[in-house]
C-alpha atoms as a PDB file:
ATOM      1  CA  MET A   1       0.008   0.090  -0.066  1.00  0.00           C
ATOM      2  CA  THR A   2       1.361   3.398  -0.941  1.00  0.00           C
ATOM      3  CA  VAL A   3       1.160   6.331   1.239  1.00  0.00           C
ATOM      4  CA  CYS A   4      -0.945   8.353  -1.227  1.00  0.00           C
ATOM      5  CA  SER A   5      -3.654   5.530  -0.929  1.00  0.00           C
ATOM      6  CA  LYS A   6      -4.451   6.434   2.649  1.00  0.00           C
ATOM      7  CA  TYR A   7      -5.612   9.815   1.683  1.00  0.00           C
ATOM      8  CA  THR A   8      -8.385  11.314  -0.644  1.00  0.00           C
ATOM      9  CA  THR A   9      -7.120   9.711  -3.810  1.00  0.00           C
ATOM     10  CA  ASN A  10      -9.609   6.971  -2.868  1.00  0.00           C
ATOM     11  CA  VAL A  11     -12.526   9.261  -2.713  1.00  0.00           C
ATOM     12  CA  VAL A  12     -14.851   8.861  -5.780  1.00  0.00           C
ATOM     13  CA  LEU A  13     -18.250   9.649  -7.101  1.00  0.00           C
ATOM     14  CA  GLU A  14     -19.803   6.445  -8.179  1.00  0.00           C
ATOM     15  CA  PRO A  15     -22.640   6.568 -10.524  1.00  0.00           C
ATOM     16  CA  ALA A  16     -23.437   3.057 -11.852  1.00  0.00           C
ATOM     17  CA  SER A  17     -25.584   1.208 -14.420  1.00  0.00           C
ATOM     18  CA  LEU A  18     -28.155  -1.560 -13.657  1.00  0.00           C
ATOM     19  CA  THR A  19     -28.618  -4.568 -15.803  1.00  0.00           C
ATOM     20  CA  PHE A  20     -31.147  -7.476 -14.975  1.00  0.00           C
ATOM     21  CA  GLY A  21     -31.817 -10.626 -16.826  1.00  0.00           C
ATOM     22  CA  LYS A  22     -31.658 -14.451 -16.918  1.00  0.00           C
ATOM     23  CA  GLU A  23     -29.164 -16.879 -18.255  1.00  0.00           C
ATOM     24  CA  GLU A  24     -30.457 -19.282 -20.807  1.00  0.00           C
ATOM     25  CA  LEU A  25     -30.950 -22.560 -18.919  1.00  0.00           C
ATOM     26  CA  SER A  26     -31.563 -25.664 -20.849  1.00  0.00           C
ATOM     27  CA  CYS A  27     -32.429 -29.221 -19.578  1.00  0.00           C
ATOM     28  CA  VAL A  28     -31.255 -32.473 -20.926  1.00  0.00           C
ATOM     29  CA  GLU A  29     -33.121 -35.757 -20.080  1.00  0.00           C
ATOM     30  CA  MET A  30     -31.037 -38.663 -21.009  1.00  0.00           C
ATOM     31  CA  GLY A  31     -33.453 -41.509 -19.529  1.00  0.00           C
ATOM     32  CA  THR A  32     -31.620 -44.744 -19.902  1.00  0.00           C
ATOM     33  CA  THR A  33     -30.244 -44.147 -23.423  1.00  0.00           C
ATOM     34  CA  ILE A  34     -26.393 -44.554 -24.026  1.00  0.00           C
ATOM     35  CA  PRO A  35     -25.177 -42.631 -27.130  1.00  0.00           C
ATOM     36  CA  THR A  36     -23.329 -44.417 -29.882  1.00  0.00           C
ATOM     37  CA  ASP A  37     -20.199 -43.214 -31.424  1.00  0.00           C
ATOM     38  CA  GLY A  38     -20.420 -39.911 -33.259  1.00  0.00           C
ATOM     39  CA  GLN A  39     -23.953 -39.100 -31.852  1.00  0.00           C
ATOM     40  CA  SER A  40     -24.423 -35.580 -30.943  1.00  0.00           C
ATOM     41  CA  PHE A  41     -26.553 -32.540 -29.851  1.00  0.00           C
ATOM     42  CA  THR A  42     -26.179 -28.835 -30.342  1.00  0.00           C
ATOM     43  CA  TYR A  43     -26.488 -25.670 -28.098  1.00  0.00           C
ATOM     44  CA  SER A  44     -25.295 -22.103 -28.103  1.00  0.00           C
ATOM     45  CA  THR A  45     -24.344 -19.179 -25.946  1.00  0.00           C
ATOM     46  CA  LEU A  46     -24.697 -15.543 -26.822  1.00  0.00           C
ATOM     47  CA  THR A  47     -21.747 -15.320 -29.115  1.00  0.00           C
ATOM     48  CA  SER A  48     -21.027 -18.999 -30.170  1.00  0.00           C
ATOM     49  CA  LYS A  49     -22.653 -22.307 -31.329  1.00  0.00           C
ATOM     50  CA  TYR A  50     -21.353 -25.834 -30.133  1.00  0.00           C
ATOM     51  CA  GLN A  51     -21.935 -29.506 -31.208  1.00  0.00           C
ATOM     52  CA  VAL A  52     -21.272 -31.816 -28.384  1.00  0.00           C
ATOM     53  CA  TYR A  53     -20.445 -35.201 -29.801  1.00  0.00           C
ATOM     54  CA  PHE A  54     -19.644 -38.566 -28.153  1.00  0.00           C
ATOM     55  CA  ASN A  55     -16.391 -40.465 -29.124  1.00  0.00           C
ATOM     56  CA  VAL A  56     -17.388 -44.075 -27.762  1.00  0.00           C
ATOM     57  CA  ASP A  57     -14.613 -46.482 -27.042  1.00  0.00           C
ATOM     58  CA  ALA A  58     -12.346 -44.458 -29.125  1.00  0.00           C
ATOM     59  CA  GLY A  59     -14.442 -45.130 -32.236  1.00  0.00           C
ATOM     60  CA  GLY A  60     -13.412 -41.758 -33.712  1.00  0.00           C
ATOM     61  CA  THR A  61     -16.705 -40.835 -35.646  1.00  0.00           C
ATOM     62  CA  VAL A  62     -16.737 -37.065 -35.919  1.00  0.00           C
ATOM     63  CA  PRO A  63     -20.021 -35.415 -36.950  1.00  0.00           C
ATOM     64  CA  THR A  64     -19.878 -32.630 -39.588  1.00  0.00           C
ATOM     65  CA  PRO A  65     -21.321 -29.310 -38.132  1.00  0.00           C
ATOM     66  CA  ALA A  66     -24.432 -28.158 -40.080  1.00  0.00           C
ATOM     67  CA  ASP A  67     -24.398 -24.602 -38.954  1.00  0.00           C
ATOM     68  CA  GLY A  68     -20.932 -23.536 -38.175  1.00  0.00           C
ATOM     69  CA  GLU A  69     -20.885 -25.202 -34.773  1.00  0.00           C
ATOM     70  CA  THR A  70     -17.594 -25.562 -32.779  1.00  0.00           C
ATOM     71  CA  LEU A  71     -17.190 -29.321 -31.968  1.00  0.00           C
ATOM     72  CA  ILE A  72     -16.928 -30.505 -28.455  1.00  0.00           C
ATOM     73  CA  GLU A  73     -15.585 -34.023 -28.026  1.00  0.00           C
ATOM     74  CA  VAL A  74     -16.703 -36.152 -25.024  1.00  0.00           C
ATOM     75  CA  PRO A  75     -14.790 -39.426 -24.803  1.00  0.00           C
ATOM     76  CA  ILE A  76     -16.922 -42.107 -23.123  1.00  0.00           C
ATOM     77  CA  ASN A  77     -17.062 -45.763 -22.817  1.00  0.00           C
ATOM     78  CA  SER A  78     -19.986 -47.917 -23.916  1.00  0.00           C
ATOM     79  CA  THR A  79     -20.050 -49.446 -20.478  1.00  0.00           C
ATOM     80  CA  ASP A  80     -20.428 -46.029 -18.787  1.00  0.00           C
ATOM     81  CA  THR A  81     -23.778 -45.261 -16.860  1.00  0.00           C
ATOM     82  CA  VAL A  82     -25.805 -42.069 -17.990  1.00  0.00           C
ATOM     83  CA  ASP A  83     -24.555 -40.285 -14.816  1.00  0.00           C
ATOM     84  CA  GLN A  84     -20.954 -41.051 -15.654  1.00  0.00           C
ATOM     85  CA  ILE A  85     -21.591 -39.730 -19.100  1.00  0.00           C
ATOM     86  CA  SER A  86     -23.223 -36.461 -17.878  1.00  0.00           C
ATOM     87  CA  ALA A  87     -20.353 -35.874 -15.668  1.00  0.00           C
ATOM     88  CA  LYS A  88     -17.951 -36.301 -18.673  1.00  0.00           C
ATOM     89  CA  VAL A  89     -20.149 -33.880 -20.615  1.00  0.00           C
ATOM     90  CA  LYS A  90     -19.733 -31.415 -17.664  1.00  0.00           C
ATOM     91  CA  THR A  91     -15.992 -31.690 -17.698  1.00  0.00           C
ATOM     92  CA  ALA A  92     -15.770 -31.306 -21.691  1.00  0.00           C
ATOM     93  CA  ILE A  93     -18.028 -28.229 -21.701  1.00  0.00           C
ATOM     94  CA  GLU A  94     -16.523 -26.527 -18.812  1.00  0.00           C
ATOM     95  CA  ALA A  95     -13.092 -26.948 -20.195  1.00  0.00           C
ATOM     96  CA  ILE A  96     -13.839 -24.475 -22.820  1.00  0.00           C
ATOM     97  CA  THR A  97     -13.842 -20.772 -21.735  1.00  0.00           C
ATOM     98  CA  GLY A  98     -17.129 -19.237 -22.374  1.00  0.00           C
ATOM     99  CA  ALA A  99     -18.976 -22.586 -23.228  1.00  0.00           C
ATOM    100  CA  GLY A 100     -21.263 -22.471 -20.218  1.00  0.00           C
ATOM    101  CA  TYR A 101     -21.808 -24.522 -16.991  1.00  0.00           C
ATOM    102  CA  VAL A 102     -23.202 -27.799 -16.508  1.00  0.00           C
ATOM    103  CA  PHE A 103     -25.186 -28.493 -13.364  1.00  0.00           C
ATOM    104  CA  ASN A 104     -26.821 -31.515 -11.465  1.00  0.00           C
ATOM    105  CA  PRO A 105     -25.156 -34.387 -13.724  1.00  0.00           C
ATOM    106  CA  THR A 106     -27.074 -37.040 -11.970  1.00  0.00           C
ATOM    107  CA  SER A 107     -30.220 -39.039 -12.056  1.00  0.00           C
ATOM    108  CA  GLY A 108     -29.976 -39.394 -15.961  1.00  0.00           C
ATOM    109  CA  GLU A 109     -30.385 -35.570 -16.492  1.00  0.00           C
ATOM    110  CA  PHE A 110     -28.384 -32.334 -16.503  1.00  0.00           C
ATOM    111  CA  LEU A 111     -28.672 -28.728 -17.070  1.00  0.00           C
ATOM    112  CA  ILE A 112     -26.618 -26.382 -19.185  1.00  0.00           C
ATOM    113  CA  GLU A 113     -26.474 -22.729 -18.336  1.00  0.00           C
ATOM    114  CA  ASP A 114     -24.971 -19.880 -20.414  1.00  0.00           C
ATOM    115  CA  GLU A 115     -22.444 -17.834 -18.454  1.00  0.00           C
ATOM    116  CA  GLN A 116     -23.944 -14.652 -19.267  1.00  0.00           C
ATOM    117  CA  ILE A 117     -27.440 -13.138 -19.302  1.00  0.00           C
ATOM    118  CA  GLY A 118     -29.329 -12.557 -22.602  1.00  0.00           C
ATOM    119  CA  GLU A 119     -30.701 -14.578 -25.407  1.00  0.00           C
ATOM    120  CA  THR A 120     -28.640 -17.295 -27.047  1.00  0.00           C
ATOM    121  CA  LEU A 121     -28.060 -17.735 -30.667  1.00  0.00           C
ATOM    122  CA  LYS A 122     -30.200 -20.852 -31.048  1.00  0.00           C
ATOM    123  CA  ALA A 123     -31.964 -23.182 -28.704  1.00  0.00           C
ATOM    124  CA  ILE A 124     -30.594 -26.471 -27.547  1.00  0.00           C
ATOM    125  CA  ALA A 125     -31.603 -29.180 -29.856  1.00  0.00           C
ATOM    126  CA  ASP A 126     -30.992 -32.833 -30.563  1.00  0.00           C
ATOM    127  CA  VAL A 127     -29.065 -34.174 -33.531  1.00  0.00           C
ATOM    128  CA  ASP A 128     -29.399 -37.878 -33.104  1.00  0.00           C
ATOM    129  CA  THR A 129     -28.919 -38.959 -29.603  1.00  0.00           C
ATOM    130  CA  GLY A 130     -32.616 -39.750 -28.775  1.00  0.00           C
ATOM    131  CA  TRP A 131     -32.480 -37.733 -25.822  1.00  0.00           C
ATOM    132  CA  THR A 132     -34.991 -35.073 -24.823  1.00  0.00           C
ATOM    133  CA  PHE A 133     -34.035 -31.411 -24.734  1.00  0.00           C
ATOM    134  CA  HIS A 134     -35.916 -28.229 -23.771  1.00  0.00           C
ATOM    135  CA  VAL A 135     -35.184 -24.700 -22.639  1.00  0.00           C
ATOM    136  CA  LYS A 136     -36.182 -24.359 -18.997  1.00  0.00           C
ATOM    137  CA  THR A 137     -35.380 -20.791 -18.753  1.00  0.00           C
ATOM    138  CA  LYS A 138     -35.357 -18.330 -21.667  1.00  0.00           C
ATOM    139  CA  GLY A 139     -32.443 -15.828 -21.503  1.00  0.00           C
ATOM    140  CA  PHE A 140     -32.901 -12.011 -21.730  1.00  0.00           C
ATOM    141  CA  SER A 141     -31.052  -9.098 -20.611  1.00  0.00           C
ATOM    142  CA  ILE A 142     -32.299  -5.437 -19.920  1.00  0.00           C
ATOM    143  CA  ASP A 143     -30.615  -2.272 -18.967  1.00  0.00           C
ATOM    144  CA  LEU A 144     -32.696  -0.780 -16.302  1.00  0.00           C
ATOM    145  CA  GLY A 145     -31.877   2.684 -17.503  1.00  0.00           C
ATOM    146  CA  GLU A 146     -31.359   5.823 -15.377  1.00  0.00           C
ATOM    147  CA  THR A 147     -32.377   6.196 -11.609  1.00  0.00           C
ATOM    148  CA  ASP A 148     -33.745   8.980  -9.486  1.00  0.00           C
ATOM    149  CA  GLY A 149     -31.142   9.102  -6.826  1.00  0.00           C
ATOM    150  CA  ALA A 150     -28.491   6.779  -5.644  1.00  0.00           C
ATOM    151  CA  ILE A 151     -28.578   2.955  -6.139  1.00  0.00           C
ATOM    152  CA  GLU A 152     -28.480   1.738  -2.372  1.00  0.00           C
ATOM    153  CA  PHE A 153     -26.776  -1.576  -1.369  1.00  0.00           C
ATOM    154  CA  ALA A 154     -27.568  -2.887   2.145  1.00  0.00           C
ATOM    155  CA  GLN A 155     -26.074  -5.933   3.903  1.00  0.00           C
ATOM    156  CA  GLU A 156     -27.325  -7.192   7.288  1.00  0.00           C
ATOM    157  CA  ASN A 157     -25.898 -10.041   9.344  1.00  0.00           C
ATOM    158  CA  THR A 158     -28.220 -11.934  11.859  1.00  0.00           C
ATOM    159  CA  LEU A 159     -25.940 -12.803  14.800  1.00  0.00           C
ATOM    160  CA  PHE A 160     -26.853 -14.885  17.892  1.00  0.00           C
ATOM    161  CA  GLU A 161     -25.156 -13.429  21.009  1.00  0.00           C
ATOM    162  CA  VAL A 162     -23.233 -15.982  23.155  1.00  0.00           C
ATOM    163  CA  LYS A 163     -23.363 -15.135  26.786  1.00  0.00           C
ATOM    164  CA  ALA A 164     -22.692 -17.025  30.055  1.00  0.00           C
ATOM    165  CA  ASN A 165     -24.318 -16.767  33.552  1.00  0.00           C
ATOM    166  CA  GLN A 166     -21.000 -16.530  34.999  1.00  0.00           C
ATOM    167  CA  THR A 167     -20.029 -13.408  33.153  1.00  0.00           C
ATOM    168  CA  GLY A 168     -23.520 -11.824  33.064  1.00  0.00           C
ATOM    169  CA  GLU A 169     -24.449  -9.796  30.116  1.00  0.00           C
ATOM    170  CA  THR A 170     -20.768  -9.643  28.753  1.00  0.00           C
ATOM    171  CA  LEU A 171     -20.804 -10.645  25.105  1.00  0.00           C
ATOM    172  CA  ARG A 172     -18.538 -13.652  24.858  1.00  0.00           C
ATOM    173  CA  ALA A 173     -18.931 -14.358  21.084  1.00  0.00           C
ATOM    174  CA  GLU A 174     -21.331 -14.031  18.273  1.00  0.00           C
ATOM    175  CA  LEU A 175     -22.474 -16.760  15.969  1.00  0.00           C
ATOM    176  CA  LEU A 176     -23.679 -15.773  12.327  1.00  0.00           C
ATOM    177  CA  GLN A 177     -27.188 -17.082  11.572  1.00  0.00           C
ATOM    178  CA  GLY A 178     -27.514 -15.573   8.222  1.00  0.00           C
ATOM    179  CA  THR A 179     -26.965 -12.690   5.826  1.00  0.00           C
ATOM    180  CA  THR A 180     -29.439 -10.560   3.831  1.00  0.00           C
ATOM    181  CA  ALA A 181     -28.502  -8.350   1.014  1.00  0.00           C
ATOM    182  CA  THR A 182     -30.657  -5.660  -0.855  1.00  0.00           C
ATOM    183  CA  ILE A 183     -30.477  -3.114  -3.490  1.00  0.00           C
ATOM    184  CA  THR A 184     -33.024  -0.314  -3.717  1.00  0.00           C
ATOM    185  CA  CYS A 185     -33.408   2.240  -6.397  1.00  0.00           C
ATOM    186  CA  ALA A 186     -35.968   4.483  -8.118  1.00  0.00           C
ATOM    187  CA  LEU A 187     -36.052   3.900 -11.808  1.00  0.00           C
ATOM    188  CA  GLN A 188     -36.830   6.877 -13.893  1.00  0.00           C
ATOM    189  CA  SER A 189     -36.321   5.923 -17.447  1.00  0.00           C
ATOM    190  CA  LEU A 190     -38.121   2.432 -17.644  1.00  0.00           C
ATOM    191  CA  SER A 191     -39.872   1.892 -20.925  1.00  0.00           C
ATOM    192  CA  LYS A 192     -43.081  -0.020 -21.244  1.00  0.00           C
ATOM    193  CA  ASP A 193     -41.370  -2.947 -22.963  1.00  0.00           C
ATOM    194  CA  ARG A 194     -38.791  -3.107 -19.983  1.00  0.00           C
ATOM    195  CA  LEU A 195     -41.521  -2.489 -17.359  1.00  0.00           C
ATOM    196  CA  ASP A 196     -43.733  -5.550 -18.905  1.00  0.00           C
ATOM    197  CA  LEU A 197     -40.744  -7.680 -18.805  1.00  0.00           C
ATOM    198  CA  LEU A 198     -39.869  -7.016 -15.107  1.00  0.00           C
ATOM    199  CA  ILE A 199     -43.508  -7.520 -14.228  1.00  0.00           C
ATOM    200  CA  ALA A 200     -44.331 -10.593 -16.362  1.00  0.00           C
ATOM    201  CA  GLU A 201     -41.077 -12.396 -15.699  1.00  0.00           C
ATOM    202  CA  CYS A 202     -41.296 -11.859 -12.030  1.00  0.00           C
ATOM    203  CA  TRP A 203     -44.023 -11.608  -9.451  1.00  0.00           C
ATOM    204  CA  GLY A 204     -46.674 -10.560 -12.043  1.00  0.00           C
ATOM    205  CA  ASP A 205     -47.839 -12.337 -15.297  1.00  0.00           C
ATOM    206  CA  LYS A 206     -48.797 -11.901 -18.832  1.00  0.00           C
ATOM    207  CA  LEU A 207     -52.204 -12.600 -20.453  1.00  0.00           C
ATOM    208  CA  GLU A 208     -52.277 -13.092 -24.298  1.00  0.00           C
ATOM    209  CA  LEU A 209     -55.295 -11.954 -26.105  1.00  0.00           C
ATOM    210  CA  THR A 210     -56.741 -13.436 -29.255  1.00  0.00           C
ATOM    211  CA  ASN A 211     -60.051 -11.862 -29.743  1.00  0.00           C
ATOM    212  CA  GLY A 212     -59.379  -8.135 -29.176  1.00  0.00           C
ATOM    213  CA  PRO A 213     -59.407  -5.445 -32.126  1.00  0.00           C
ATOM    214  CA  ALA A 214     -56.507  -5.803 -34.388  1.00  0.00           C
ATOM    215  CA  SER A 215     -55.285  -2.252 -33.573  1.00  0.00           C
ATOM    216  CA  ALA A 216     -55.025  -2.947 -29.921  1.00  0.00           C
ATOM    217  CA  ASP A 217     -52.319  -4.476 -27.770  1.00  0.00           C
ATOM    218  CA  SER A 218     -52.511  -8.143 -27.970  1.00  0.00           C
ATOM    219  CA  SER A 219     -51.521  -8.946 -24.269  1.00  0.00           C
ATOM    220  CA  LEU A 220     -52.116  -7.645 -20.756  1.00  0.00           C
ATOM    221  CA  ILE A 221     -49.522  -7.419 -18.074  1.00  0.00           C
ATOM    222  CA  GLY A 222     -50.533  -7.340 -14.505  1.00  0.00           C
ATOM    223  CA  ALA A 223     -50.762  -9.482 -11.375  1.00  0.00           C
ATOM    224  CA  GLY A 224     -53.455 -11.857  -9.964  1.00  0.00           C
ATOM    225  CA  THR A 225     -53.762 -15.296  -8.374  1.00  0.00           C
ATOM    226  CA  SER A 226     -51.819 -17.219 -11.251  1.00  0.00           C
ATOM    227  CA  LYS A 227     -48.358 -17.251  -9.250  1.00  0.00           C
ATOM    228  CA  ILE A 228     -49.629 -17.819  -5.777  1.00  0.00           C
ATOM    229  CA  GLY A 229     -47.193 -20.388  -4.102  1.00  0.00           C
ATOM    230  CA  GLU A 230     -44.548 -19.952  -6.894  1.00  0.00           C
ATOM    231  CA  ASN A 231     -41.109 -20.442  -5.483  1.00  0.00           C
ATOM    232  CA  SER A 232     -39.002 -17.215  -5.974  1.00  0.00           C
ATOM    233  CA  LEU A 233     -36.157 -19.332  -7.317  1.00  0.00           C
ATOM    234  CA  ASN A 234     -38.113 -20.226 -10.343  1.00  0.00           C
ATOM    235  CA  LEU A 235     -38.647 -16.561 -11.277  1.00  0.00           C
ATOM    236  CA  ALA A 236     -35.188 -15.166 -10.101  1.00  0.00           C
ATOM    237  CA  GLY A 237     -32.641 -13.595 -12.639  1.00  0.00           C
ATOM    238  CA  LYS A 238     -29.273 -12.079 -12.095  1.00  0.00           C
ATOM    239  CA  LEU A 239     -28.628  -8.340 -11.329  1.00  0.00           C
ATOM    240  CA  ILE A 240     -25.412  -6.569 -12.004  1.00  0.00           C
ATOM    241  CA  VAL A 241     -24.483  -3.107 -10.590  1.00  0.00           C
ATOM    242  CA  HIS A 242     -21.515  -1.663 -12.949  1.00  0.00           C
ATOM    243  CA  PRO A 243     -19.517   1.472 -11.927  1.00  0.00           C
ATOM    244  CA  ILE A 244     -19.642   3.573 -14.962  1.00  0.00           C
ATOM    245  CA  ARG A 245     -16.234   5.070 -14.503  1.00  0.00           C
ATOM    246  CA  LEU A 246     -14.709   1.601 -15.144  1.00  0.00           C
ATOM    247  CA  GLY A 247     -16.004   1.213 -18.582  1.00  0.00           C
ATOM    248  CA  ALA A 248     -15.337  -2.303 -19.840  1.00  0.00           C
ATOM    249  CA  ASP A 249     -13.502  -3.280 -16.590  1.00  0.00           C
ATOM    250  CA  LYS A 250     -15.822  -5.574 -14.490  1.00  0.00           C
ATOM    251  CA  SER A 251     -13.507  -5.800 -11.595  1.00  0.00           C
ATOM    252  CA  GLU A 252     -15.861  -3.816  -9.133  1.00  0.00           C
ATOM    253  CA  ASP A 253     -19.195  -5.170 -10.506  1.00  0.00           C
ATOM    254  CA  LEU A 254     -21.795  -6.076  -7.691  1.00  0.00           C
ATOM    255  CA  THR A 255     -23.604  -9.070  -8.791  1.00  0.00           C
ATOM    256  CA  PHE A 256     -26.707 -10.716  -7.254  1.00  0.00           C
ATOM    257  CA  TRP A 257     -26.757 -14.230  -8.742  1.00  0.00           C
ATOM    258  CA  LYS A 258     -30.416 -14.776  -8.001  1.00  0.00           C
ATOM    259  CA  THR A 259     -32.927 -11.925  -7.321  1.00  0.00           C
ATOM    260  CA  VAL A 260     -36.625 -11.109  -8.099  1.00  0.00           C
ATOM    261  CA  PRO A 261     -37.317  -7.586  -8.606  1.00  0.00           C
ATOM    262  CA  THR A 262     -40.268  -5.925  -6.632  1.00  0.00           C
ATOM    263  CA  LEU A 263     -41.713  -2.817  -7.828  1.00  0.00           C
ATOM    264  CA  SER A 264     -43.223  -1.353  -4.881  1.00  0.00           C
ATOM    265  CA  GLY A 265     -45.075   1.431  -6.627  1.00  0.00           C
ATOM    266  CA  TRP A 266     -45.175   4.524  -8.682  1.00  0.00           C
ATOM    267  CA  ALA A 267     -47.015   7.711  -9.023  1.00  0.00           C
ATOM    268  CA  TYR A 268     -49.216   9.311 -11.782  1.00  0.00           C
ATOM    269  CA  ASP A 269     -48.470  12.927 -11.265  1.00  0.00           C
ATOM    270  CA  GLY A 270     -48.462  16.007 -13.494  1.00  0.00           C
ATOM    271  CA  LEU A 271     -46.049  18.112 -11.472  1.00  0.00           C
ATOM    272  CA  ASN A 272     -43.341  15.432 -10.753  1.00  0.00           C
ATOM    273  CA  LYS A 273     -41.577  12.785 -13.004  1.00  0.00           C
ATOM    274  CA  LYS A 274     -42.728   9.318 -12.875  1.00  0.00           C
ATOM    275  CA  VAL A 275     -40.292   7.034 -11.107  1.00  0.00           C
ATOM    276  CA  TYR A 276     -40.725   3.101 -10.154  1.00  0.00           C
ATOM    277  CA  ASN A 277     -39.610   2.198  -6.692  1.00  0.00           C
ATOM    278  CA  ALA A 278     -37.645  -1.170  -7.036  1.00  0.00           C
ATOM    279  CA  GLU A 279     -36.227  -3.582  -4.489  1.00  0.00           C
ATOM    280  CA  PHE A 280     -33.852  -6.496  -5.146  1.00  0.00           C
ATOM    281  CA  LYS A 281     -33.306  -9.241  -2.559  1.00  0.00           C
ATOM    282  CA  ALA A 282     -30.391 -11.489  -3.117  1.00  0.00           C
ATOM    283  CA  LEU A 283     -31.259 -15.319  -2.821  1.00  0.00           C
ATOM    284  CA  VAL A 284     -28.708 -17.882  -2.413  1.00  0.00           C
ATOM    285  CA  ASP A 285     -27.704 -19.757  -5.689  1.00  0.00           C
ATOM    286  CA  GLU A 286     -27.148 -23.328  -4.776  1.00  0.00           C
ATOM    287  CA  PHE A 287     -24.979 -23.701  -8.013  1.00  0.00           C
ATOM    288  CA  ARG A 288     -22.250 -21.061  -7.168  1.00  0.00           C
ATOM    289  CA  PRO A 289     -19.396 -21.621  -4.702  1.00  0.00           C
ATOM    290  CA  LYS A 290     -20.645 -21.388  -1.317  1.00  0.00           C
ATOM    291  CA  GLU A 291     -18.008 -18.472  -0.445  1.00  0.00           C
ATOM    292  CA  ILE A 292     -19.933 -16.128  -2.795  1.00  0.00           C
ATOM    293  CA  ASN A 293     -23.451 -17.767  -3.430  1.00  0.00           C
ATOM    294  CA  LEU A 294     -25.285 -14.693  -2.249  1.00  0.00           C
ATOM    295  CA  PHE A 295     -23.688 -11.950  -3.794  1.00  0.00           C
ATOM    296  CA  ALA A 296     -20.175 -11.171  -5.263  1.00  0.00           C
ATOM    297  CA  ILE A 297     -18.031  -8.219  -5.964  1.00  0.00           C
ATOM    298  CA  GLY A 298     -15.826  -8.374  -9.102  1.00  0.00           C
ATOM    299  CA  ASP A 299     -15.960 -10.001 -12.564  1.00  0.00           C
ATOM    300  CA  SER A 300     -18.872 -12.247 -12.289  1.00  0.00           C
ATOM    301  CA  THR A 301     -18.323 -13.454 -15.960  1.00  0.00           C
ATOM    302  CA  GLN A 302     -15.137 -15.445 -15.063  1.00  0.00           C
ATOM    303  CA  GLN A 303     -15.248 -19.047 -15.056  1.00  0.00           C
ATOM    304  CA  LEU A 304     -16.157 -20.311 -11.657  1.00  0.00           C
ATOM    305  CA  ALA A 305     -14.630 -23.465 -10.195  1.00  0.00           C
END
């Protein structure tokens, strides 16, 4: 540490941008089917297309990509179980920077998640494995725009106080029982499209209309009873707070891996601008390392061990 770093050179004004979205999450159901040599499936990220193929017992059959996919080889044995095969798929995909993560490779199924929020180039699809593929969570990304006032981050630790009768009210230790983290802000430039997405993809919902006039909006956005009992983890997306002064440098980004935005209200007012009061609560992401599975500060696009 230099002497200068102790003084006012560390004082900054810190406006930041807010981005909310979901990584595309695809489910692969293998059943009990063991692929044969050269069989494959395709998937993509925001920027690249991949074709995952199986080299069975060193047979060496290599498929020809139909749409410019990058080939990912998965060497397996014909005697492998489906769980052993899915574990090898995980190793092969995660060995390639930017190719995504593979989660829960057990019980004859696994999940492939893009590393970044947003819509992928094309949906996951089978070529000839006979497995079942579907998109579990469609990826999207939206810039939440300008805010009225600061973006406020708050962290609170719940602590159990350890005391002893022999020492009265003297605090002997504290045990951490849990941590909560929240971000609050007032969004002042939220377009209707982005507002609709925040509501419909989270605690609200969307009703598609088929019998309205041709000139009318073909859907309604709102809230009702359709999501009563819904688990927040099924609705959650990722929130990234990025200091604007750092440009493309993501080393000080604040990331909530899982959060469901709540719009607590807004005003219709002829004298003041319209703002949407928003709150984001961090949820534990069980697929992230336990050291940072609530929130993280730093470049969250890095490959996580």
